[in-house]
C-alpha atoms as a PDB file:
ATOM      1  CA  UNK A   1     -31.833   7.888 -45.623  1.00  0.00           C
ATOM      2  CA  UNK A   2     -28.210   7.295 -44.582  1.00  0.00           C
ATOM      3  CA  UNK A   3     -28.764   9.061 -41.234  1.00  0.00           C
ATOM      4  CA  UNK A   4     -31.875   6.957 -40.633  1.00  0.00           C
ATOM      5  CA  UNK A   5     -29.937   3.757 -41.289  1.00  0.00           C
ATOM      6  CA  UNK A   6     -27.164   4.800 -38.903  1.00  0.00           C
ATOM      7  CA  UNK A   7     -29.754   5.640 -36.233  1.00  0.00           C
ATOM      8  CA  UNK A   8     -31.409   2.230 -36.624  1.00  0.00           C
ATOM      9  CA  UNK A   9     -28.081   0.405 -36.369  1.00  0.00           C
ATOM     10  CA  UNK A  10     -27.214   2.311 -33.179  1.00  0.00           C
ATOM     11  CA  UNK A  11     -30.698   1.734 -31.781  1.00  0.00           C
ATOM     12  CA  UNK A  12     -30.615  -2.014 -32.311  1.00  0.00           C
ATOM     13  CA  UNK A  13     -27.062  -2.227 -30.978  1.00  0.00           C
ATOM     14  CA  UNK A  14     -28.117  -0.404 -27.796  1.00  0.00           C
ATOM     15  CA  UNK A  15     -31.189  -2.596 -27.529  1.00  0.00           C
ATOM     16  CA  UNK A  16     -28.966  -5.662 -27.782  1.00  0.00           C
ATOM     17  CA  UNK A  17     -26.765  -4.432 -24.935  1.00  0.00           C
ATOM     18  CA  UNK A  18     -29.784  -3.723 -22.720  1.00  0.00           C
ATOM     19  CA  UNK A  19     -31.248  -7.125 -23.567  1.00  0.00           C
ATOM     20  CA  UNK A  20     -27.964  -8.756 -22.662  1.00  0.00           C
ATOM     21  CA  UNK A  21     -27.912  -6.972 -19.344  1.00  0.00           C
ATOM     22  CA  UNK A  22     -31.369  -8.337 -18.589  1.00  0.00           C
ATOM     23  CA  UNK A  23     -30.437 -11.896 -19.548  1.00  0.00           C
ATOM     24  CA  UNK A  24     -27.369 -11.885 -17.301  1.00  0.00           C
ATOM     25  CA  UNK A  25     -28.439 -11.987 -13.645  1.00  0.00           C
ATOM     26  CA  UNK A  26     -26.999  -9.138 -11.593  1.00  0.00           C
ATOM     27  CA  UNK A  27     -25.244 -10.472  -8.487  1.00  0.00           C
ATOM     28  CA  UNK A  28     -22.797  -9.456  -5.749  1.00  0.00           C
ATOM     29  CA  UNK A  29     -20.428 -11.875  -4.056  1.00  0.00           C
ATOM     30  CA  UNK A  30     -19.365 -11.093  -0.473  1.00  0.00           C
ATOM     31  CA  UNK A  31     -16.218 -12.900   0.655  1.00  0.00           C
ATOM     32  CA  UNK A  32     -15.476 -14.350   4.062  1.00  0.00           C
ATOM     33  CA  UNK A  33     -13.373 -11.250   4.792  1.00  0.00           C
ATOM     34  CA  UNK A  34     -16.265  -8.947   3.895  1.00  0.00           C
ATOM     35  CA  UNK A  35     -14.940  -7.804   0.516  1.00  0.00           C
ATOM     36  CA  UNK A  36     -17.512  -7.673  -2.273  1.00  0.00           C
ATOM     37  CA  UNK A  37     -17.303  -8.294  -6.014  1.00  0.00           C
ATOM     38  CA  UNK A  38     -19.965  -7.403  -8.565  1.00  0.00           C
ATOM     39  CA  UNK A  39     -20.643  -9.976 -11.252  1.00  0.00           C
ATOM     40  CA  UNK A  40     -23.166 -11.127 -13.809  1.00  0.00           C
ATOM     41  CA  UNK A  41     -24.327 -14.690 -14.354  1.00  0.00           C
ATOM     42  CA  UNK A  42     -25.803 -16.345 -17.411  1.00  0.00           C
ATOM     43  CA  UNK A  43     -27.278 -19.785 -16.803  1.00  0.00           C
ATOM     44  CA  UNK A  44     -27.975 -22.486 -19.379  1.00  0.00           C
ATOM     45  CA  UNK A  45     -31.264 -21.625 -21.061  1.00  0.00           C
ATOM     46  CA  UNK A  46     -32.684 -25.032 -20.153  1.00  0.00           C
ATOM     47  CA  UNK A  47     -31.158 -26.921 -17.227  1.00  0.00           C
ATOM     48  CA  UNK A  48     -31.849 -30.640 -17.426  1.00  0.00           C
ATOM     49  CA  UNK A  49     -32.089 -32.480 -14.106  1.00  0.00           C
ATOM     50  CA  UNK A  50     -28.910 -34.439 -13.455  1.00  0.00           C
ATOM     51  CA  UNK A  51     -27.051 -32.772 -16.340  1.00  0.00           C
ATOM     52  CA  UNK A  52     -23.635 -31.156 -15.872  1.00  0.00           C
ATOM     53  CA  UNK A  53     -22.651 -27.985 -17.723  1.00  0.00           C
ATOM     54  CA  UNK A  54     -19.351 -26.207 -18.451  1.00  0.00           C
ATOM     55  CA  UNK A  55     -18.504 -22.960 -16.701  1.00  0.00           C
ATOM     56  CA  UNK A  56     -16.855 -19.982 -18.418  1.00  0.00           C
ATOM     57  CA  UNK A  57     -15.138 -17.167 -16.518  1.00  0.00           C
ATOM     58  CA  UNK A  58     -14.829 -13.986 -18.628  1.00  0.00           C
ATOM     59  CA  UNK A  59     -12.452 -11.214 -17.541  1.00  0.00           C
ATOM     60  CA  UNK A  60     -13.074  -7.809 -19.138  1.00  0.00           C
ATOM     61  CA  UNK A  61     -10.570  -5.102 -20.030  1.00  0.00           C
ATOM     62  CA  UNK A  62      -9.516  -1.963 -18.138  1.00  0.00           C
ATOM     63  CA  UNK A  63     -12.110   0.218 -19.842  1.00  0.00           C
ATOM     64  CA  UNK A  64     -14.989  -1.733 -18.321  1.00  0.00           C
ATOM     65  CA  UNK A  65     -13.928  -1.336 -14.683  1.00  0.00           C
ATOM     66  CA  UNK A  66     -16.394   0.299 -12.325  1.00  0.00           C
ATOM     67  CA  UNK A  67     -19.161  -0.298  -9.810  1.00  0.00           C
ATOM     68  CA  UNK A  68     -22.282  -0.289 -12.023  1.00  0.00           C
ATOM     69  CA  UNK A  69     -22.248  -4.075 -12.600  1.00  0.00           C
ATOM     70  CA  UNK A  70     -23.032  -3.362 -16.259  1.00  0.00           C
ATOM     71  CA  UNK A  71     -19.988  -2.181 -18.199  1.00  0.00           C
ATOM     72  CA  UNK A  72     -18.267  -5.575 -18.014  1.00  0.00           C
ATOM     73  CA  UNK A  73     -20.875  -6.894 -20.472  1.00  0.00           C
ATOM     74  CA  UNK A  74     -19.889  -4.411 -23.191  1.00  0.00           C
ATOM     75  CA  UNK A  75     -17.484  -6.780 -24.961  1.00  0.00           C
ATOM     76  CA  UNK A  76     -18.179 -10.473 -25.321  1.00  0.00           C
ATOM     77  CA  UNK A  77     -21.586 -10.877 -23.719  1.00  0.00           C
ATOM     78  CA  UNK A  78     -23.585 -10.925 -26.942  1.00  0.00           C
ATOM     79  CA  UNK A  79     -21.953 -14.078 -28.297  1.00  0.00           C
ATOM     80  CA  UNK A  80     -23.299 -15.983 -25.294  1.00  0.00           C
ATOM     81  CA  UNK A  81     -26.815 -14.740 -26.057  1.00  0.00           C
ATOM     82  CA  UNK A  82     -26.711 -15.813 -29.692  1.00  0.00           C
ATOM     83  CA  UNK A  83     -29.615 -18.322 -29.970  1.00  0.00           C
ATOM     84  CA  UNK A  84     -27.462 -20.868 -31.810  1.00  0.00           C
ATOM     85  CA  UNK A  85     -24.716 -20.646 -29.198  1.00  0.00           C
ATOM     86  CA  UNK A  86     -27.207 -20.851 -26.328  1.00  0.00           C
ATOM     87  CA  UNK A  87     -28.647 -24.026 -27.811  1.00  0.00           C
ATOM     88  CA  UNK A  88     -25.388 -25.695 -28.852  1.00  0.00           C
ATOM     89  CA  UNK A  89     -23.137 -24.557 -26.006  1.00  0.00           C
ATOM     90  CA  UNK A  90     -25.169 -24.277 -22.786  1.00  0.00           C
ATOM     91  CA  UNK A  91     -22.989 -23.154 -19.891  1.00  0.00           C
ATOM     92  CA  UNK A  92     -22.752 -21.116 -16.737  1.00  0.00           C
ATOM     93  CA  UNK A  93     -21.020 -17.862 -17.732  1.00  0.00           C
ATOM     94  CA  UNK A  94     -19.557 -15.483 -15.140  1.00  0.00           C
ATOM     95  CA  UNK A  95     -18.729 -11.835 -15.913  1.00  0.00           C
ATOM     96  CA  UNK A  96     -17.160 -10.287 -12.775  1.00  0.00           C
ATOM     97  CA  UNK A  97     -16.462  -6.550 -12.718  1.00  0.00           C
ATOM     98  CA  UNK A  98     -13.122  -5.190 -11.561  1.00  0.00           C
ATOM     99  CA  UNK A  99     -13.464  -2.042  -9.393  1.00  0.00           C
ATOM    100  CA  UNK A 100     -12.308   1.231 -10.942  1.00  0.00           C
ATOM    101  CA  UNK A 101      -9.272   1.374  -8.649  1.00  0.00           C
ATOM    102  CA  UNK A 102      -8.333  -2.284  -9.179  1.00  0.00           C
ATOM    103  CA  UNK A 103      -6.503  -4.292 -11.829  1.00  0.00           C
ATOM    104  CA  UNK A 104      -7.013  -7.952 -12.619  1.00  0.00           C
ATOM    105  CA  UNK A 105      -4.158 -10.148 -11.335  1.00  0.00           C
ATOM    106  CA  UNK A 106      -2.059  -7.315  -9.905  1.00  0.00           C
ATOM    107  CA  UNK A 107      -2.479  -4.855  -7.065  1.00  0.00           C
ATOM    108  CA  UNK A 108      -1.876  -2.050  -9.580  1.00  0.00           C
ATOM    109  CA  UNK A 109      -1.340  -1.509 -13.273  1.00  0.00           C
ATOM    110  CA  UNK A 110       2.101  -2.871 -14.271  1.00  0.00           C
ATOM    111  CA  UNK A 111       4.570  -0.137 -15.205  1.00  0.00           C
ATOM    112  CA  UNK A 112       5.343  -1.904 -18.496  1.00  0.00           C
ATOM    113  CA  UNK A 113       3.464  -4.463 -20.585  1.00  0.00           C
ATOM    114  CA  UNK A 114       6.621  -5.895 -22.144  1.00  0.00           C
ATOM    115  CA  UNK A 115       6.695  -9.557 -21.061  1.00  0.00           C
ATOM    116  CA  UNK A 116      10.190  -9.475 -19.526  1.00  0.00           C
ATOM    117  CA  UNK A 117       9.155  -6.475 -17.402  1.00  0.00           C
ATOM    118  CA  UNK A 118       5.873  -7.946 -16.157  1.00  0.00           C
ATOM    119  CA  UNK A 119       5.717  -9.093 -12.491  1.00  0.00           C
ATOM    120  CA  UNK A 120       7.473 -12.387 -11.809  1.00  0.00           C
ATOM    121  CA  UNK A 121       6.873 -13.386  -8.186  1.00  0.00           C
ATOM    122  CA  UNK A 122       3.971 -11.194  -7.119  1.00  0.00           C
ATOM    123  CA  UNK A 123       1.629 -12.713  -4.516  1.00  0.00           C
ATOM    124  CA  UNK A 124      -1.979 -13.225  -5.496  1.00  0.00           C
ATOM    125  CA  UNK A 125      -3.834  -9.933  -5.389  1.00  0.00           C
ATOM    126  CA  UNK A 126      -6.663  -9.445  -2.851  1.00  0.00           C
ATOM    127  CA  UNK A 127      -9.052  -8.965  -5.777  1.00  0.00           C
ATOM    128  CA  UNK A 128      -8.087 -12.294  -7.325  1.00  0.00           C
ATOM    129  CA  UNK A 129      -8.418 -14.010  -3.943  1.00  0.00           C
ATOM    130  CA  UNK A 130     -12.039 -12.848  -3.810  1.00  0.00           C
ATOM    131  CA  UNK A 131     -12.570 -13.874  -7.438  1.00  0.00           C
ATOM    132  CA  UNK A 132     -11.239 -17.356  -6.677  1.00  0.00           C
ATOM    133  CA  UNK A 133     -13.640 -17.609  -3.725  1.00  0.00           C
ATOM    134  CA  UNK A 134     -16.497 -16.688  -6.054  1.00  0.00           C
ATOM    135  CA  UNK A 135     -15.375 -19.276  -8.593  1.00  0.00           C
ATOM    136  CA  UNK A 136     -15.169 -21.923  -5.871  1.00  0.00           C
ATOM    137  CA  UNK A 137     -18.826 -21.384  -4.965  1.00  0.00           C
ATOM    138  CA  UNK A 138     -19.755 -22.407  -8.513  1.00  0.00           C
ATOM    139  CA  UNK A 139     -17.273 -25.265  -8.632  1.00  0.00           C
ATOM    140  CA  UNK A 140     -19.103 -26.683  -5.630  1.00  0.00           C
ATOM    141  CA  UNK A 141     -22.398 -26.834  -7.519  1.00  0.00           C
ATOM    142  CA  UNK A 142     -23.323 -30.373  -8.656  1.00  0.00           C
ATOM    143  CA  UNK A 143     -24.567 -29.120 -12.041  1.00  0.00           C
ATOM    144  CA  UNK A 144     -21.153 -27.650 -12.960  1.00  0.00           C
ATOM    145  CA  UNK A 145     -18.839 -29.983 -14.882  1.00  0.00           C
ATOM    146  CA  UNK A 146     -15.470 -29.757 -13.107  1.00  0.00           C
ATOM    147  CA  UNK A 147     -13.730 -31.192 -16.193  1.00  0.00           C
ATOM    148  CA  UNK A 148     -14.898 -28.307 -18.394  1.00  0.00           C
ATOM    149  CA  UNK A 149     -13.974 -25.069 -16.639  1.00  0.00           C
ATOM    150  CA  UNK A 150     -12.844 -22.365 -19.059  1.00  0.00           C
ATOM    151  CA  UNK A 151     -11.365 -18.892 -18.680  1.00  0.00           C
ATOM    152  CA  UNK A 152     -10.939 -16.097 -21.192  1.00  0.00           C
ATOM    153  CA  UNK A 153     -10.149 -12.409 -21.060  1.00  0.00           C
ATOM    154  CA  UNK A 154      -9.350  -9.365 -23.146  1.00  0.00           C
ATOM    155  CA  UNK A 155      -6.435  -6.951 -22.591  1.00  0.00           C
ATOM    156  CA  UNK A 156      -6.266  -6.529 -18.785  1.00  0.00           C
ATOM    157  CA  UNK A 157      -8.483  -9.605 -18.655  1.00  0.00           C
ATOM    158  CA  UNK A 158      -6.017 -11.468 -20.874  1.00  0.00           C
ATOM    159  CA  UNK A 159      -3.354 -10.720 -18.276  1.00  0.00           C
ATOM    160  CA  UNK A 160      -5.712 -12.019 -15.618  1.00  0.00           C
ATOM    161  CA  UNK A 161      -6.361 -15.149 -17.672  1.00  0.00           C
ATOM    162  CA  UNK A 162      -2.667 -15.976 -17.695  1.00  0.00           C
ATOM    163  CA  UNK A 163      -2.351 -15.284 -13.977  1.00  0.00           C
ATOM    164  CA  UNK A 164      -5.322 -17.442 -13.006  1.00  0.00           C
ATOM    165  CA  UNK A 165      -4.122 -20.426 -15.031  1.00  0.00           C
ATOM    166  CA  UNK A 166      -0.619 -20.110 -13.580  1.00  0.00           C
ATOM    167  CA  UNK A 167      -1.943 -20.036 -10.011  1.00  0.00           C
ATOM    168  CA  UNK A 168      -4.720 -22.612 -10.441  1.00  0.00           C
ATOM    169  CA  UNK A 169      -3.851 -24.870 -13.402  1.00  0.00           C
ATOM    170  CA  UNK A 170      -5.749 -27.756 -11.847  1.00  0.00           C
ATOM    171  CA  UNK A 171      -9.028 -25.868 -12.252  1.00  0.00           C
ATOM    172  CA  UNK A 172      -9.031 -24.932 -15.940  1.00  0.00           C
ATOM    173  CA  UNK A 173      -9.350 -27.168 -18.972  1.00  0.00           C
ATOM    174  CA  UNK A 174      -8.771 -24.323 -21.430  1.00  0.00           C
ATOM    175  CA  UNK A 175      -7.856 -20.643 -21.578  1.00  0.00           C
ATOM    176  CA  UNK A 176      -8.239 -17.925 -24.213  1.00  0.00           C
ATOM    177  CA  UNK A 177      -6.100 -14.833 -23.492  1.00  0.00           C
ATOM    178  CA  UNK A 178      -6.764 -12.087 -26.049  1.00  0.00           C
ATOM    179  CA  UNK A 179      -4.301  -9.184 -26.473  1.00  0.00           C
ATOM    180  CA  UNK A 180      -2.849  -9.937 -23.046  1.00  0.00           C
ATOM    181  CA  UNK A 181       0.689 -10.239 -21.723  1.00  0.00           C
ATOM    182  CA  UNK A 182       2.578 -12.010 -18.949  1.00  0.00           C
ATOM    183  CA  UNK A 183       6.091 -12.701 -17.784  1.00  0.00           C
ATOM    184  CA  UNK A 184       6.542 -15.773 -19.969  1.00  0.00           C
ATOM    185  CA  UNK A 185       8.866 -17.550 -17.550  1.00  0.00           C
ATOM    186  CA  UNK A 186       5.862 -18.113 -15.270  1.00  0.00           C
ATOM    187  CA  UNK A 187       3.909 -20.116 -17.833  1.00  0.00           C
ATOM    188  CA  UNK A 188       5.532 -23.491 -17.289  1.00  0.00           C
ATOM    189  CA  UNK A 189       3.224 -23.770 -14.263  1.00  0.00           C
ATOM    190  CA  UNK A 190       0.220 -23.695 -16.639  1.00  0.00           C
ATOM    191  CA  UNK A 191       1.460 -26.271 -19.150  1.00  0.00           C
ATOM    192  CA  UNK A 192      -1.431 -28.675 -18.459  1.00  0.00           C
ATOM    193  CA  UNK A 193      -4.009 -26.070 -19.553  1.00  0.00           C
ATOM    194  CA  UNK A 194      -4.926 -25.902 -23.253  1.00  0.00           C
ATOM    195  CA  UNK A 195      -4.398 -22.415 -24.671  1.00  0.00           C
ATOM    196  CA  UNK A 196      -5.665 -20.507 -27.670  1.00  0.00           C
ATOM    197  CA  UNK A 197      -3.981 -17.088 -27.813  1.00  0.00           C
ATOM    198  CA  UNK A 198      -5.036 -14.121 -29.973  1.00  0.00           C
ATOM    199  CA  UNK A 199      -3.384 -10.776 -30.691  1.00  0.00           C
ATOM    200  CA  UNK A 200      -3.276  -8.100 -33.390  1.00  0.00           C
ATOM    201  CA  UNK A 201       0.180  -7.439 -34.807  1.00  0.00           C
ATOM    202  CA  UNK A 202      -0.482  -3.676 -34.854  1.00  0.00           C
ATOM    203  CA  UNK A 203      -1.590  -3.457 -31.208  1.00  0.00           C
ATOM    204  CA  UNK A 204      -0.628  -0.024 -29.868  1.00  0.00           C
ATOM    205  CA  UNK A 205      -1.697  -0.667 -26.250  1.00  0.00           C
ATOM    206  CA  UNK A 206      -0.421  -4.114 -25.233  1.00  0.00           C
ATOM    207  CA  UNK A 207       2.658  -5.149 -27.243  1.00  0.00           C
ATOM    208  CA  UNK A 208       2.128  -8.191 -29.461  1.00  0.00           C
ATOM    209  CA  UNK A 209       5.422  -9.536 -28.111  1.00  0.00           C
ATOM    210  CA  UNK A 210       3.550 -10.528 -24.952  1.00  0.00           C
ATOM    211  CA  UNK A 211       1.493 -13.123 -26.826  1.00  0.00           C
ATOM    212  CA  UNK A 212       4.404 -14.231 -29.015  1.00  0.00           C
ATOM    213  CA  UNK A 213       6.582 -14.895 -25.984  1.00  0.00           C
ATOM    214  CA  UNK A 214       3.731 -16.629 -24.153  1.00  0.00           C
ATOM    215  CA  UNK A 215       3.217 -18.962 -27.104  1.00  0.00           C
ATOM    216  CA  UNK A 216       6.931 -19.817 -27.291  1.00  0.00           C
ATOM    217  CA  UNK A 217       7.152 -20.457 -23.538  1.00  0.00           C
ATOM    218  CA  UNK A 218       4.062 -22.690 -23.475  1.00  0.00           C
ATOM    219  CA  UNK A 219       5.247 -24.585 -26.540  1.00  0.00           C
ATOM    220  CA  UNK A 220       8.653 -25.132 -24.956  1.00  0.00           C
ATOM    221  CA  UNK A 221       6.974 -26.421 -21.790  1.00  0.00           C
ATOM    222  CA  UNK A 222       5.039 -29.006 -23.815  1.00  0.00           C
ATOM    223  CA  UNK A 223       1.637 -27.335 -23.561  1.00  0.00           C
ATOM    224  CA  UNK A 224      -1.186 -27.752 -26.051  1.00  0.00           C
ATOM    225  CA  UNK A 225      -1.216 -24.194 -27.423  1.00  0.00           C
ATOM    226  CA  UNK A 226      -2.325 -22.386 -30.573  1.00  0.00           C
ATOM    227  CA  UNK A 227      -1.506 -18.787 -31.459  1.00  0.00           C
ATOM    228  CA  UNK A 228      -3.494 -16.718 -33.960  1.00  0.00           C
ATOM    229  CA  UNK A 229      -2.161 -13.290 -34.911  1.00  0.00           C
ATOM    230  CA  UNK A 230      -4.304 -10.872 -36.894  1.00  0.00           C
ATOM    231  CA  UNK A 231      -2.334  -8.785 -39.455  1.00  0.00           C
ATOM    232  CA  UNK A 232      -3.045  -5.052 -39.305  1.00  0.00           C
ATOM    233  CA  UNK A 233      -5.342  -5.344 -36.279  1.00  0.00           C
ATOM    234  CA  UNK A 234      -4.756  -2.932 -33.400  1.00  0.00           C
ATOM    235  CA  UNK A 235      -5.909  -3.423 -29.813  1.00  0.00           C
ATOM    236  CA  UNK A 236      -9.445  -4.657 -30.502  1.00  0.00           C
ATOM    237  CA  UNK A 237      -8.356  -8.126 -31.571  1.00  0.00           C
ATOM    238  CA  UNK A 238     -11.236  -9.623 -29.608  1.00  0.00           C
ATOM    239  CA  UNK A 239     -13.567  -8.648 -32.458  1.00  0.00           C
ATOM    240  CA  UNK A 240     -12.028 -10.939 -35.103  1.00  0.00           C
ATOM    241  CA  UNK A 241     -11.356 -13.578 -32.435  1.00  0.00           C
ATOM    242  CA  UNK A 242     -14.983 -13.732 -31.272  1.00  0.00           C
ATOM    243  CA  UNK A 243     -16.134 -13.932 -34.896  1.00  0.00           C
ATOM    244  CA  UNK A 244     -14.042 -16.937 -35.866  1.00  0.00           C
ATOM    245  CA  UNK A 245     -16.422 -19.733 -36.967  1.00  0.00           C
ATOM    246  CA  UNK A 246     -14.797 -22.263 -34.626  1.00  0.00           C
ATOM    247  CA  UNK A 247     -14.384 -20.021 -31.568  1.00  0.00           C
ATOM    248  CA  UNK A 248     -17.068 -21.767 -29.501  1.00  0.00           C
ATOM    249  CA  UNK A 249     -16.425 -25.200 -30.975  1.00  0.00           C
ATOM    250  CA  UNK A 250     -12.760 -25.132 -29.972  1.00  0.00           C
ATOM    251  CA  UNK A 251     -13.485 -23.954 -26.449  1.00  0.00           C
ATOM    252  CA  UNK A 252     -16.246 -26.441 -25.685  1.00  0.00           C
ATOM    253  CA  UNK A 253     -14.328 -29.381 -27.126  1.00  0.00           C
ATOM    254  CA  UNK A 254     -11.675 -29.023 -24.413  1.00  0.00           C
ATOM    255  CA  UNK A 255     -11.931 -31.256 -21.367  1.00  0.00           C
ATOM    256  CA  UNK A 256      -9.632 -32.234 -18.553  1.00  0.00           C
ATOM    257  CA  UNK A 257      -8.554 -35.909 -18.672  1.00  0.00           C
END
């Protein structure tokens, strides 16, 4: 009986992932320079004529890199398919996929994830230049609300979330970096973006000090920032973060003045 129950749980979980992959449109963006970027798109379930909708950019972690245009949906995609969320928080949701050899925000994996050892003056990576081009194509759409552009990411994607808001603070109303890190001295450039930061205090992959220092730097710069630390949680702090009752409500209540 126990084995049957486990099988059913795994079956329905797999079915949910496959369903999510079908709901998210599979797309490829080709830049002006000829570089391509795989991504998935979820549209509002019902698009009303003349209505404007928020846009969410989700950056996955290092484990979901590849070229299949599927793995990036492994974490985070299901919450956007929740019927209640689809009805209450309609949005355009982008899930780009970082190539196996790439790394969000940086040309290569940083040698250390301690915040004071993270890159300080690195130029924008070619991958992020293409990602920004992709984002711009959606920002140009009349049905996208330019005052409600959001970005979030987990682990490597949390690092990318910081980098994007630092480079393009005028674009984003709010950002949610989860178990990420950044050279905190860079964050004064992103002080106009509203932040909600998450991390587990037992993270054994990306040091929790990255989020603690980011919070202190943003607070010192006068930013609107909240930091939630999960006691005893290791690297998968996106799980408790995504399951907070007000996760969606907080995000969608943010708007640029």
